[in-house]
PDB file of N, CA and C in Angstrom:
ATOM      1  N   MET A   1     100.552 105.401  79.969  1.00  0.00           N
ATOM      2  CA  MET A   1      99.845 106.000  81.068  1.00  0.00           C
ATOM      3  C   MET A   1     100.751 107.055  81.707  1.00  0.00           C
ATOM      4  N   SER A   2     100.221 108.223  81.966  1.00  0.00           N
ATOM      5  CA  SER A   2     101.042 109.295  82.517  1.00  0.00           C
ATOM      6  C   SER A   2     100.938 109.321  84.042  1.00  0.00           C
ATOM      7  N   SER A   3     101.974 109.829  84.642  1.00  0.00           N
ATOM      8  CA  SER A   3     102.033 109.943  86.091  1.00  0.00           C
ATOM      9  C   SER A   3     101.230 111.159  86.543  1.00  0.00           C
ATOM     10  N   PRO A   4     100.533 111.063  87.680  1.00  0.00           N
ATOM     11  CA  PRO A   4      99.764 112.215  88.154  1.00  0.00           C
ATOM     12  C   PRO A   4     100.649 113.377  88.602  1.00  0.00           C
ATOM     13  N   MET A   5     101.933 113.119  88.881  1.00  0.00           N
ATOM     14  CA  MET A   5     102.856 114.180  89.281  1.00  0.00           C
ATOM     15  C   MET A   5     103.820 114.450  88.138  1.00  0.00           C
ATOM     16  N   SER A   6     104.010 115.707  87.829  1.00  0.00           N
ATOM     17  CA  SER A   6     104.976 116.060  86.797  1.00  0.00           C
ATOM     18  C   SER A   6     106.383 116.039  87.399  1.00  0.00           C
ATOM     19  N   ASP A   7     107.375 116.189  86.538  1.00  0.00           N
ATOM     20  CA  ASP A   7     108.762 116.155  86.996  1.00  0.00           C
ATOM     21  C   ASP A   7     109.071 117.268  87.978  1.00  0.00           C
ATOM     22  N   TRP A   8     108.581 118.461  87.729  1.00  0.00           N
ATOM     23  CA  TRP A   8     108.890 119.575  88.630  1.00  0.00           C
ATOM     24  C   TRP A   8     108.185 119.387  89.970  1.00  0.00           C
ATOM     25  N   MET A   9     106.996 118.765  89.985  1.00  0.00           N
ATOM     26  CA  MET A   9     106.311 118.503  91.255  1.00  0.00           C
ATOM     27  C   MET A   9     107.067 117.451  92.071  1.00  0.00           C
ATOM     28  N   THR A  10     107.602 116.457  91.384  1.00  0.00           N
ATOM     29  CA  THR A  10     108.408 115.430  92.058  1.00  0.00           C
ATOM     30  C   THR A  10     109.662 116.054  92.655  1.00  0.00           C
ATOM     31  N   ALA A  11     110.347 116.884  91.883  1.00  0.00           N
ATOM     32  CA  ALA A  11     111.554 117.556  92.377  1.00  0.00           C
ATOM     33  C   ALA A  11     111.227 118.463  93.558  1.00  0.00           C
ATOM     34  N   LEU A  12     110.115 119.172  93.486  1.00  0.00           N
ATOM     35  CA  LEU A  12     109.700 120.046  94.589  1.00  0.00           C
ATOM     36  C   LEU A  12     109.390 119.237  95.847  1.00  0.00           C
ATOM     37  N   ALA A  13     108.735 118.093  95.684  1.00  0.00           N
ATOM     38  CA  ALA A  13     108.432 117.234  96.827  1.00  0.00           C
ATOM     39  C   ALA A  13     109.717 116.707  97.466  1.00  0.00           C
ATOM     40  N   ILE A  14     110.667 116.279  96.630  1.00  0.00           N
ATOM     41  CA  ILE A  14     111.950 115.779  97.157  1.00  0.00           C
ATOM     42  C   ILE A  14     112.693 116.887  97.881  1.00  0.00           C
ATOM     43  N   LEU A  15     112.727 118.075  97.311  1.00  0.00           N
ATOM     44  CA  LEU A  15     113.394 119.210  97.940  1.00  0.00           C
ATOM     45  C   LEU A  15     112.728 119.567  99.268  1.00  0.00           C
ATOM     46  N   GLY A  16     111.407 119.588  99.290  1.00  0.00           N
ATOM     47  CA  GLY A  16     110.684 119.886 100.526  1.00  0.00           C
ATOM     48  C   GLY A  16     110.944 118.860 101.606  1.00  0.00           C
ATOM     49  N   LEU A  17     110.927 117.584 101.250  1.00  0.00           N
ATOM     50  CA  LEU A  17     111.205 116.533 102.218  1.00  0.00           C
ATOM     51  C   LEU A  17     112.643 116.610 102.728  1.00  0.00           C
ATOM     52  N   ALA A  18     113.580 116.934 101.846  1.00  0.00           N
ATOM     53  CA  ALA A  18     114.978 117.087 102.268  1.00  0.00           C
ATOM     54  C   ALA A  18     115.118 118.242 103.251  1.00  0.00           C
ATOM     55  N   LEU A  19     114.450 119.345 102.979  1.00  0.00           N
ATOM     56  CA  LEU A  19     114.503 120.506 103.867  1.00  0.00           C
ATOM     57  C   LEU A  19     113.915 120.178 105.240  1.00  0.00           C
ATOM     58  N   ILE A  20     112.791 119.514 105.251  1.00  0.00           N
ATOM     59  CA  ILE A  20     112.167 119.122 106.520  1.00  0.00           C
ATOM     60  C   ILE A  20     113.082 118.180 107.295  1.00  0.00           C
ATOM     61  N   THR A  21     113.715 117.240 106.599  1.00  0.00           N
ATOM     62  CA  THR A  21     114.628 116.307 107.253  1.00  0.00           C
ATOM     63  C   THR A  21     115.818 117.024 107.866  1.00  0.00           C
ATOM     64  N   VAL A  22     116.414 117.944 107.124  1.00  0.00           N
ATOM     65  CA  VAL A  22     117.568 118.692 107.633  1.00  0.00           C
ATOM     66  C   VAL A  22     117.171 119.522 108.852  1.00  0.00           C
ATOM     67  N   LEU A  23     116.050 120.186 108.784  1.00  0.00           N
ATOM     68  CA  LEU A  23     115.614 121.028 109.912  1.00  0.00           C
ATOM     69  C   LEU A  23     115.319 120.198 111.160  1.00  0.00           C
ATOM     70  N   THR A  24     114.610 119.091 111.006  1.00  0.00           N
ATOM     71  CA  THR A  24     114.267 118.296 112.187  1.00  0.00           C
ATOM     72  C   THR A  24     115.473 117.582 112.774  1.00  0.00           C
ATOM     73  N   ARG A  25     116.390 117.154 111.949  1.00  0.00           N
ATOM     74  CA  ARG A  25     117.574 116.458 112.461  1.00  0.00           C
ATOM     75  C   ARG A  25     118.620 117.411 113.037  1.00  0.00           C
ATOM     76  N   SER A  26     118.603 118.657 112.615  1.00  0.00           N
ATOM     77  CA  SER A  26     119.596 119.597 113.133  1.00  0.00           C
ATOM     78  C   SER A  26     119.031 120.480 114.244  1.00  0.00           C
ATOM     79  N   PHE A  27     117.858 120.159 114.727  1.00  0.00           N
ATOM     80  CA  PHE A  27     117.215 120.960 115.761  1.00  0.00           C
ATOM     81  C   PHE A  27     118.109 121.167 116.982  1.00  0.00           C
ATOM     82  N   PHE A  28     118.800 120.116 117.404  1.00  0.00           N
ATOM     83  CA  PHE A  28     119.647 120.231 118.591  1.00  0.00           C
ATOM     84  C   PHE A  28     121.023 120.803 118.284  1.00  0.00           C
ATOM     85  N   MET A  29     121.376 120.945 117.013  1.00  0.00           N
ATOM     86  CA  MET A  29     122.689 121.475 116.657  1.00  0.00           C
ATOM     87  C   MET A  29     122.653 122.958 116.292  1.00  0.00           C
ATOM     88  N   ILE A  30     121.495 123.505 116.045  1.00  0.00           N
ATOM     89  CA  ILE A  30     121.382 124.902 115.636  1.00  0.00           C
ATOM     90  C   ILE A  30     121.736 125.879 116.764  1.00  0.00           C
ATOM     91  N   PRO A  31     121.242 125.685 118.005  1.00  0.00           N
ATOM     92  CA  PRO A  31     121.559 126.644 119.067  1.00  0.00           C
ATOM     93  C   PRO A  31     123.065 126.681 119.379  1.00  0.00           C
ATOM     94  N   LYS A  32     123.525 127.853 119.813  1.00  0.00           N
ATOM     95  CA  LYS A  32     124.946 128.016 120.150  1.00  0.00           C
ATOM     96  C   LYS A  32     125.306 127.314 121.459  1.00  0.00           C
ATOM     97  N   ARG A  33     124.347 127.187 122.335  1.00  0.00           N
ATOM     98  CA  ARG A  33     124.620 126.516 123.614  1.00  0.00           C
ATOM     99  C   ARG A  33     123.612 125.386 123.803  1.00  0.00           C
ATOM    100  N   GLU A  34     123.883 124.534 124.782  1.00  0.00           N
ATOM    101  CA  GLU A  34     123.034 123.376 125.021  1.00  0.00           C
ATOM    102  C   GLU A  34     121.630 123.794 125.427  1.00  0.00           C
ATOM    103  N   VAL A  35     120.644 123.126 124.857  1.00  0.00           N
ATOM    104  CA  VAL A  35     119.256 123.420 125.181  1.00  0.00           C
ATOM    105  C   VAL A  35     118.958 122.819 126.550  1.00  0.00           C
ATOM    106  N   PRO A  36     118.460 123.632 127.496  1.00  0.00           N
ATOM    107  CA  PRO A  36     118.147 123.072 128.820  1.00  0.00           C
ATOM    108  C   PRO A  36     117.002 122.068 128.722  1.00  0.00           C
ATOM    109  N   MET A  37     117.186 120.950 129.387  1.00  0.00           N
ATOM    110  CA  MET A  37     116.201 119.890 129.358  1.00  0.00           C
ATOM    111  C   MET A  37     116.003 119.363 130.768  1.00  0.00           C
ATOM    112  N   PRO A  38     114.762 119.045 131.136  1.00  0.00           N
ATOM    113  CA  PRO A  38     114.567 118.456 132.461  1.00  0.00           C
ATOM    114  C   PRO A  38     115.248 117.094 132.560  1.00  0.00           C
ATOM    115  N   ASP A  39     115.584 116.716 133.772  1.00  0.00           N
ATOM    116  CA  ASP A  39     116.278 115.438 133.984  1.00  0.00           C
ATOM    117  C   ASP A  39     115.458 114.251 133.489  1.00  0.00           C
ATOM    118  N   TRP A  40     114.134 114.299 133.652  1.00  0.00           N
ATOM    119  CA  TRP A  40     113.307 113.179 133.218  1.00  0.00           C
ATOM    120  C   TRP A  40     113.369 113.013 131.697  1.00  0.00           C
ATOM    121  N   ALA A  41     113.506 114.112 130.958  1.00  0.00           N
ATOM    122  CA  ALA A  41     113.607 114.033 129.497  1.00  0.00           C
ATOM    123  C   ALA A  41     114.963 113.447 129.093  1.00  0.00           C
ATOM    124  N   LYS A  42     116.028 113.874 129.773  1.00  0.00           N
ATOM    125  CA  LYS A  42     117.353 113.314 129.488  1.00  0.00           C
ATOM    126  C   LYS A  42     117.382 111.824 129.777  1.00  0.00           C
ATOM    127  N   GLN A  43     116.754 111.418 130.881  1.00  0.00           N
ATOM    128  CA  GLN A  43     116.691 110.003 131.255  1.00  0.00           C
ATOM    129  C   GLN A  43     115.927 109.214 130.187  1.00  0.00           C
ATOM    130  N   GLY A  44     114.826 109.761 129.714  1.00  0.00           N
ATOM    131  CA  GLY A  44     114.034 109.082 128.695  1.00  0.00           C
ATOM    132  C   GLY A  44     114.766 108.955 127.374  1.00  0.00           C
ATOM    133  N   LEU A  45     115.536 109.962 127.004  1.00  0.00           N
ATOM    134  CA  LEU A  45     116.279 109.926 125.744  1.00  0.00           C
ATOM    135  C   LEU A  45     117.389 108.881 125.746  1.00  0.00           C
ATOM    136  N   ARG A  46     117.832 108.487 126.929  1.00  0.00           N
ATOM    137  CA  ARG A  46     118.849 107.426 127.006  1.00  0.00           C
ATOM    138  C   ARG A  46     118.302 106.105 126.481  1.00  0.00           C
ATOM    139  N   TYR A  47     116.983 105.879 126.652  1.00  0.00           N
ATOM    140  CA  TYR A  47     116.371 104.623 126.251  1.00  0.00           C
ATOM    141  C   TYR A  47     115.756 104.675 124.862  1.00  0.00           C
ATOM    142  N   ALA A  48     115.753 105.827 124.221  1.00  0.00           N
ATOM    143  CA  ALA A  48     115.117 105.971 122.913  1.00  0.00           C
ATOM    144  C   ALA A  48     115.729 105.065 121.846  1.00  0.00           C
ATOM    145  N   PRO A  49     117.059 104.956 121.729  1.00  0.00           N
ATOM    146  CA  PRO A  49     117.607 104.060 120.695  1.00  0.00           C
ATOM    147  C   PRO A  49     117.209 102.599 120.905  1.00  0.00           C
ATOM    148  N   LEU A  50     117.202 102.135 122.148  1.00  0.00           N
ATOM    149  CA  LEU A  50     116.815 100.761 122.434  1.00  0.00           C
ATOM    150  C   LEU A  50     115.343 100.538 122.099  1.00  0.00           C
ATOM    151  N   ALA A  51     114.508 101.501 122.437  1.00  0.00           N
ATOM    152  CA  ALA A  51     113.079 101.378 122.131  1.00  0.00           C
ATOM    153  C   ALA A  51     112.841 101.378 120.623  1.00  0.00           C
ATOM    154  N   ALA A  52     113.553 102.208 119.898  1.00  0.00           N
ATOM    155  CA  ALA A  52     113.401 102.250 118.442  1.00  0.00           C
ATOM    156  C   ALA A  52     113.866 100.936 117.815  1.00  0.00           C
ATOM    157  N   LEU A  53     114.975 100.402 118.289  1.00  0.00           N
ATOM    158  CA  LEU A  53     115.477  99.132 117.773  1.00  0.00           C
ATOM    159  C   LEU A  53     114.483  98.009 118.039  1.00  0.00           C
ATOM    160  N   ALA A  54     113.939  97.962 119.242  1.00  0.00           N
ATOM    161  CA  ALA A  54     112.950  96.933 119.570  1.00  0.00           C
ATOM    162  C   ALA A  54     111.702  97.079 118.707  1.00  0.00           C
ATOM    163  N   ALA A  55     111.292  98.302 118.450  1.00  0.00           N
ATOM    164  CA  ALA A  55     110.096  98.531 117.630  1.00  0.00           C
ATOM    165  C   ALA A  55     110.296  98.095 116.193  1.00  0.00           C
ATOM    166  N   VAL A  56     111.523  98.110 115.711  1.00  0.00           N
ATOM    167  CA  VAL A  56     111.798  97.700 114.332  1.00  0.00           C
ATOM    168  C   VAL A  56     112.074  96.200 114.249  1.00  0.00           C
ATOM    169  N   VAL A  57     112.852  95.663 115.178  1.00  0.00           N
ATOM    170  CA  VAL A  57     113.315  94.284 115.086  1.00  0.00           C
ATOM    171  C   VAL A  57     112.263  93.286 115.571  1.00  0.00           C
ATOM    172  N   LEU A  58     111.611  93.545 116.678  1.00  0.00           N
ATOM    173  CA  LEU A  58     110.685  92.579 117.267  1.00  0.00           C
ATOM    174  C   LEU A  58     109.569  92.153 116.315  1.00  0.00           C
ATOM    175  N   PRO A  59     108.894  93.054 115.617  1.00  0.00           N
ATOM    176  CA  PRO A  59     107.869  92.590 114.673  1.00  0.00           C
ATOM    177  C   PRO A  59     108.436  91.704 113.556  1.00  0.00           C
ATOM    178  N   GLN A  60     109.680  91.948 113.154  1.00  0.00           N
ATOM    179  CA  GLN A  60     110.287  91.115 112.117  1.00  0.00           C
ATOM    180  C   GLN A  60     110.535  89.696 112.610  1.00  0.00           C
ATOM    181  N   ILE A  61     110.680  89.531 113.916  1.00  0.00           N
ATOM    182  CA  ILE A  61     110.960  88.218 114.479  1.00  0.00           C
ATOM    183  C   ILE A  61     109.677  87.433 114.730  1.00  0.00           C
ATOM    184  N   VAL A  62     108.630  88.070 115.220  1.00  0.00           N
ATOM    185  CA  VAL A  62     107.444  87.342 115.679  1.00  0.00           C
ATOM    186  C   VAL A  62     106.235  87.437 114.754  1.00  0.00           C
ATOM    187  N   MET A  63     106.371  88.105 113.606  1.00  0.00           N
ATOM    188  CA  MET A  63     105.219  88.234 112.715  1.00  0.00           C
ATOM    189  C   MET A  63     105.516  87.674 111.330  1.00  0.00           C
ATOM    190  N   THR A  64     104.470  87.221 110.656  1.00  0.00           N
ATOM    191  CA  THR A  64     104.600  86.720 109.289  1.00  0.00           C
ATOM    192  C   THR A  64     104.537  87.888 108.317  1.00  0.00           C
ATOM    193  N   GLN A  65     104.678  87.595 107.027  1.00  0.00           N
ATOM    194  CA  GLN A  65     104.653  88.646 106.008  1.00  0.00           C
ATOM    195  C   GLN A  65     103.307  89.348 105.910  1.00  0.00           C
ATOM    196  N   ASP A  66     102.227  88.651 106.255  1.00  0.00           N
ATOM    197  CA  ASP A  66     100.904  89.267 106.155  1.00  0.00           C
ATOM    198  C   ASP A  66     100.451  89.936 107.449  1.00  0.00           C
ATOM    199  N   GLY A  67     101.364  90.129 108.395  1.00  0.00           N
ATOM    200  CA  GLY A  67     101.060  90.872 109.613  1.00  0.00           C
ATOM    201  C   GLY A  67     100.443  90.057 110.736  1.00  0.00           C
ATOM    202  N   GLN A  68     100.439  88.751 110.620  1.00  0.00           N
ATOM    203  CA  GLN A  68      99.899  87.883 111.658  1.00  0.00           C
ATOM    204  C   GLN A  68     101.027  87.383 112.547  1.00  0.00           C
ATOM    205  N   LEU A  69     100.705  87.079 113.818  1.00  0.00           N
ATOM    206  CA  LEU A  69     101.704  86.493 114.703  1.00  0.00           C
ATOM    207  C   LEU A  69     102.067  85.103 114.216  1.00  0.00           C
ATOM    208  N   LEU A  70     103.301  84.698 114.488  1.00  0.00           N
ATOM    209  CA  LEU A  70     103.725  83.354 114.105  1.00  0.00           C
ATOM    210  C   LEU A  70     102.834  82.320 114.778  1.00  0.00           C
ATOM    211  N   HIS A  71     102.508  81.277 114.069  1.00  0.00           N
ATOM    212  CA  HIS A  71     101.660  80.232 114.625  1.00  0.00           C
ATOM    213  C   HIS A  71     102.420  78.918 114.819  1.00  0.00           C
ATOM    214  N   THR A  72     103.720  78.951 114.637  1.00  0.00           N
ATOM    215  CA  THR A  72     104.536  77.748 114.789  1.00  0.00           C
ATOM    216  C   THR A  72     105.885  78.105 115.417  1.00  0.00           C
ATOM    217  N   TRP A  73     106.469  77.128 116.097  1.00  0.00           N
ATOM    218  CA  TRP A  73     107.817  77.307 116.645  1.00  0.00           C
ATOM    219  C   TRP A  73     108.864  76.964 115.602  1.00  0.00           C
ATOM    220  N   ARG A  74     108.418  76.448 114.463  1.00  0.00           N
ATOM    221  CA  ARG A  74     109.350  76.017 113.416  1.00  0.00           C
ATOM    222  C   ARG A  74     109.651  77.183 112.476  1.00  0.00           C
ATOM    223  N   ASP A  75     110.224  78.227 113.026  1.00  0.00           N
ATOM    224  CA  ASP A  75     110.599  79.405 112.249  1.00  0.00           C
ATOM    225  C   ASP A  75     112.039  79.764 112.606  1.00  0.00           C
ATOM    226  N   ALA A  76     112.864  79.867 111.593  1.00  0.00           N
ATOM    227  CA  ALA A  76     114.299  80.093 111.799  1.00  0.00           C
ATOM    228  C   ALA A  76     114.575  81.410 112.505  1.00  0.00           C
ATOM    229  N   ARG A  77     113.715  82.412 112.329  1.00  0.00           N
ATOM    230  CA  ARG A  77     113.956  83.723 112.941  1.00  0.00           C
ATOM    231  C   ARG A  77     113.968  83.649 114.467  1.00  0.00           C
ATOM    232  N   LEU A  78     113.096  82.823 115.033  1.00  0.00           N
ATOM    233  CA  LEU A  78     113.042  82.692 116.495  1.00  0.00           C
ATOM    234  C   LEU A  78     114.354  82.145 117.051  1.00  0.00           C
ATOM    235  N   TYR A  79     114.854  81.098 116.429  1.00  0.00           N
ATOM    236  CA  TYR A  79     116.095  80.476 116.906  1.00  0.00           C
ATOM    237  C   TYR A  79     117.313  81.353 116.634  1.00  0.00           C
ATOM    238  N   ALA A  80     117.324  82.028 115.507  1.00  0.00           N
ATOM    239  CA  ALA A  80     118.431  82.926 115.201  1.00  0.00           C
ATOM    240  C   ALA A  80     118.472  84.081 116.195  1.00  0.00           C
ATOM    241  N   ALA A  81     117.307  84.634 116.525  1.00  0.00           N
ATOM    242  CA  ALA A  81     117.254  85.722 117.505  1.00  0.00           C
ATOM    243  C   ALA A  81     117.692  85.238 118.887  1.00  0.00           C
ATOM    244  N   ALA A  82     117.279  84.028 119.260  1.00  0.00           N
ATOM    245  CA  ALA A  82     117.664  83.478 120.566  1.00  0.00           C
ATOM    246  C   ALA A  82     119.170  83.248 120.638  1.00  0.00           C
ATOM    247  N   VAL A  83     119.754  82.691 119.589  1.00  0.00           N
ATOM    248  CA  VAL A  83     121.202  82.443 119.568  1.00  0.00           C
ATOM    249  C   VAL A  83     121.966  83.764 119.553  1.00  0.00           C
ATOM    250  N   GLY A  84     121.529  84.713 118.752  1.00  0.00           N
ATOM    251  CA  GLY A  84     122.180  86.025 118.720  1.00  0.00           C
ATOM    252  C   GLY A  84     122.121  86.723 120.066  1.00  0.00           C
ATOM    253  N   THR A  85     120.968  86.659 120.714  1.00  0.00           N
ATOM    254  CA  THR A  85     120.816  87.273 122.041  1.00  0.00           C
ATOM    255  C   THR A  85     121.721  86.599 123.060  1.00  0.00           C
ATOM    256  N   ALA A  86     121.743  85.265 123.036  1.00  0.00           N
ATOM    257  CA  ALA A  86     122.607  84.527 123.970  1.00  0.00           C
ATOM    258  C   ALA A  86     124.069  84.874 123.752  1.00  0.00           C
ATOM    259  N   TYR A  87     124.477  84.941 122.480  1.00  0.00           N
ATOM    260  CA  TYR A  87     125.876  85.283 122.196  1.00  0.00           C
ATOM    261  C   TYR A  87     126.198  86.684 122.712  1.00  0.00           C
ATOM    262  N   PHE A  88     125.282  87.621 122.509  1.00  0.00           N
ATOM    263  CA  PHE A  88     125.561  88.982 122.959  1.00  0.00           C
ATOM    264  C   PHE A  88     125.732  89.045 124.472  1.00  0.00           C
ATOM    265  N   PHE A  89     124.863  88.353 125.210  1.00  0.00           N
ATOM    266  CA  PHE A  89     124.994  88.386 126.664  1.00  0.00           C
ATOM    267  C   PHE A  89     126.205  87.612 127.153  1.00  0.00           C
ATOM    268  N   TRP A  90     126.685  86.665 126.343  1.00  0.00           N
ATOM    269  CA  TRP A  90     127.868  85.895 126.716  1.00  0.00           C
ATOM    270  C   TRP A  90     129.147  86.665 126.431  1.00  0.00           C
ATOM    271  N   LYS A  91     129.298  87.218 125.233  1.00  0.00           N
ATOM    272  CA  LYS A  91     130.542  87.868 124.821  1.00  0.00           C
ATOM    273  C   LYS A  91     130.475  89.386 124.697  1.00  0.00           C
ATOM    274  N   ARG A  92     129.279  89.952 124.599  1.00  0.00           N
ATOM    275  CA  ARG A  92     129.082  91.401 124.435  1.00  0.00           C
ATOM    276  C   ARG A  92     129.705  91.946 123.156  1.00  0.00           C
ATOM    277  N   GLY A  93     129.678  91.149 122.093  1.00  0.00           N
ATOM    278  CA  GLY A  93     130.241  91.591 120.824  1.00  0.00           C
ATOM    279  C   GLY A  93     129.172  91.678 119.745  1.00  0.00           C
ATOM    280  N   ILE A  94     129.124  92.791 119.051  1.00  0.00           N
ATOM    281  CA  ILE A  94     128.108  93.002 118.030  1.00  0.00           C
ATOM    282  C   ILE A  94     128.359  92.108 116.809  1.00  0.00           C
ATOM    283  N   LEU A  95     129.594  92.050 116.330  1.00  0.00           N
ATOM    284  CA  LEU A  95     129.891  91.256 115.139  1.00  0.00           C
ATOM    285  C   LEU A  95     129.581  89.785 115.367  1.00  0.00           C
ATOM    286  N   GLY A  96     129.973  89.253 116.505  1.00  0.00           N
ATOM    287  CA  GLY A  96     129.673  87.853 116.816  1.00  0.00           C
ATOM    288  C   GLY A  96     128.186  87.605 116.946  1.00  0.00           C
ATOM    289  N   THR A  97     127.465  88.576 117.467  1.00  0.00           N
ATOM    290  CA  THR A  97     126.010  88.464 117.573  1.00  0.00           C
ATOM    291  C   THR A  97     125.390  88.339 116.190  1.00  0.00           C
ATOM    292  N   ILE A  98     125.809  89.205 115.280  1.00  0.00           N
ATOM    293  CA  ILE A  98     125.273  89.173 113.916  1.00  0.00           C
ATOM    294  C   ILE A  98     125.653  87.868 113.225  1.00  0.00           C
ATOM    295  N   LEU A  99     126.911  87.473 113.349  1.00  0.00           N
ATOM    296  CA  LEU A  99     127.374  86.253 112.674  1.00  0.00           C
ATOM    297  C   LEU A  99     126.710  85.001 113.234  1.00  0.00           C
ATOM    298  N   SER A 100     126.566  84.902 114.545  1.00  0.00           N
ATOM    299  CA  SER A 100     125.950  83.704 115.120  1.00  0.00           C
ATOM    300  C   SER A 100     124.465  83.619 114.746  1.00  0.00           C
ATOM    301  N   GLY A 101     123.756  84.716 114.823  1.00  0.00           N
ATOM    302  CA  GLY A 101     122.347  84.716 114.425  1.00  0.00           C
ATOM    303  C   GLY A 101     122.170  84.395 112.958  1.00  0.00           C
ATOM    304  N   THR A 102     123.023  84.965 112.111  1.00  0.00           N
ATOM    305  CA  THR A 102     122.946  84.706 110.677  1.00  0.00           C
ATOM    306  C   THR A 102     123.292  83.254 110.367  1.00  0.00           C
ATOM    307  N   ALA A 103     124.269  82.695 111.054  1.00  0.00           N
ATOM    308  CA  ALA A 103     124.646  81.296 110.823  1.00  0.00           C
ATOM    309  C   ALA A 103     123.497  80.359 111.165  1.00  0.00           C
ATOM    310  N   VAL A 104     122.832  80.604 112.281  1.00  0.00           N
ATOM    311  CA  VAL A 104     121.688  79.771 112.663  1.00  0.00           C
ATOM    312  C   VAL A 104     120.553  79.939 111.661  1.00  0.00           C
ATOM    313  N   MET A 105     120.298  81.176 111.254  1.00  0.00           N
ATOM    314  CA  MET A 105     119.228  81.436 110.286  1.00  0.00           C
ATOM    315  C   MET A 105     119.485  80.694 108.978  1.00  0.00           C
ATOM    316  N   LEU A 106     120.710  80.793 108.468  1.00  0.00           N
ATOM    317  CA  LEU A 106     121.044  80.114 107.213  1.00  0.00           C
ATOM    318  C   LEU A 106     120.997  78.599 107.363  1.00  0.00           C
ATOM    319  N   ALA A 107     121.508  78.098 108.467  1.00  0.00           N
ATOM    320  CA  ALA A 107     121.504  76.643 108.675  1.00  0.00           C
ATOM    321  C   ALA A 107     120.076  76.100 108.706  1.00  0.00           C
ATOM    322  N   LEU A 108     119.187  76.790 109.376  1.00  0.00           N
ATOM    323  CA  LEU A 108     117.811  76.310 109.464  1.00  0.00           C
ATOM    324  C   LEU A 108     117.043  76.510 108.163  1.00  0.00           C
ATOM    325  N   ARG A 109     117.285  77.629 107.501  1.00  0.00           N
ATOM    326  CA  ARG A 109     116.566  77.879 106.241  1.00  0.00           C
ATOM    327  C   ARG A 109     117.072  77.005 105.109  1.00  0.00           C
ATOM    328  N   ILE A 110     118.387  76.929 104.959  1.00  0.00           N
ATOM    329  CA  ILE A 110     118.950  76.143 103.848  1.00  0.00           C
ATOM    330  C   ILE A 110     118.986  74.658 104.204  1.00  0.00           C
ATOM    331  N   GLY A 111     119.457  74.363 105.418  1.00  0.00           N
ATOM    332  CA  GLY A 111     119.610  72.956 105.826  1.00  0.00           C
ATOM    333  C   GLY A 111     118.283  72.235 106.038  1.00  0.00           C
ATOM    334  N   LEU A 112     117.348  72.875 106.745  1.00  0.00           N
ATOM    335  CA  LEU A 112     116.085  72.217 107.062  1.00  0.00           C
ATOM    336  C   LEU A 112     114.907  72.741 106.240  1.00  0.00           C
ATOM    337  N   GLY A 113     115.128  73.789 105.488  1.00  0.00           N
ATOM    338  CA  GLY A 113     114.063  74.321 104.657  1.00  0.00           C
ATOM    339  C   GLY A 113     113.008  75.124 105.404  1.00  0.00           C
ATOM    340  N   TRP A 114     113.343  75.623 106.557  1.00  0.00           N
ATOM    341  CA  TRP A 114     112.392  76.426 107.326  1.00  0.00           C
ATOM    342  C   TRP A 114     112.293  77.755 106.678  1.00  0.00           C
TER     343      TRP A 114
END
């Protein structure tokens, strides 16, 4: 069975996507001087990384593989996230947060079969 896209079309698509990525990511680096921005926009951009992280991580914690909300408390992800969050607020360390959450996740998945 042949692919609907030929090799040159695939290469052109990859090149086009790379160009678009470079242009959009370098938008703020192209000008010689800082782009003037209103204070409300600067304030909003401070929270953008946290909002993006929450948008990626939260669904992974509270949803099943088929896109439904969890229907049980017996899920290792909930406890791992709670332990990781508690560790972060206690010690403020990223590595310890990752290790503590991962340890709880592995203990519950391997030890209890969750």
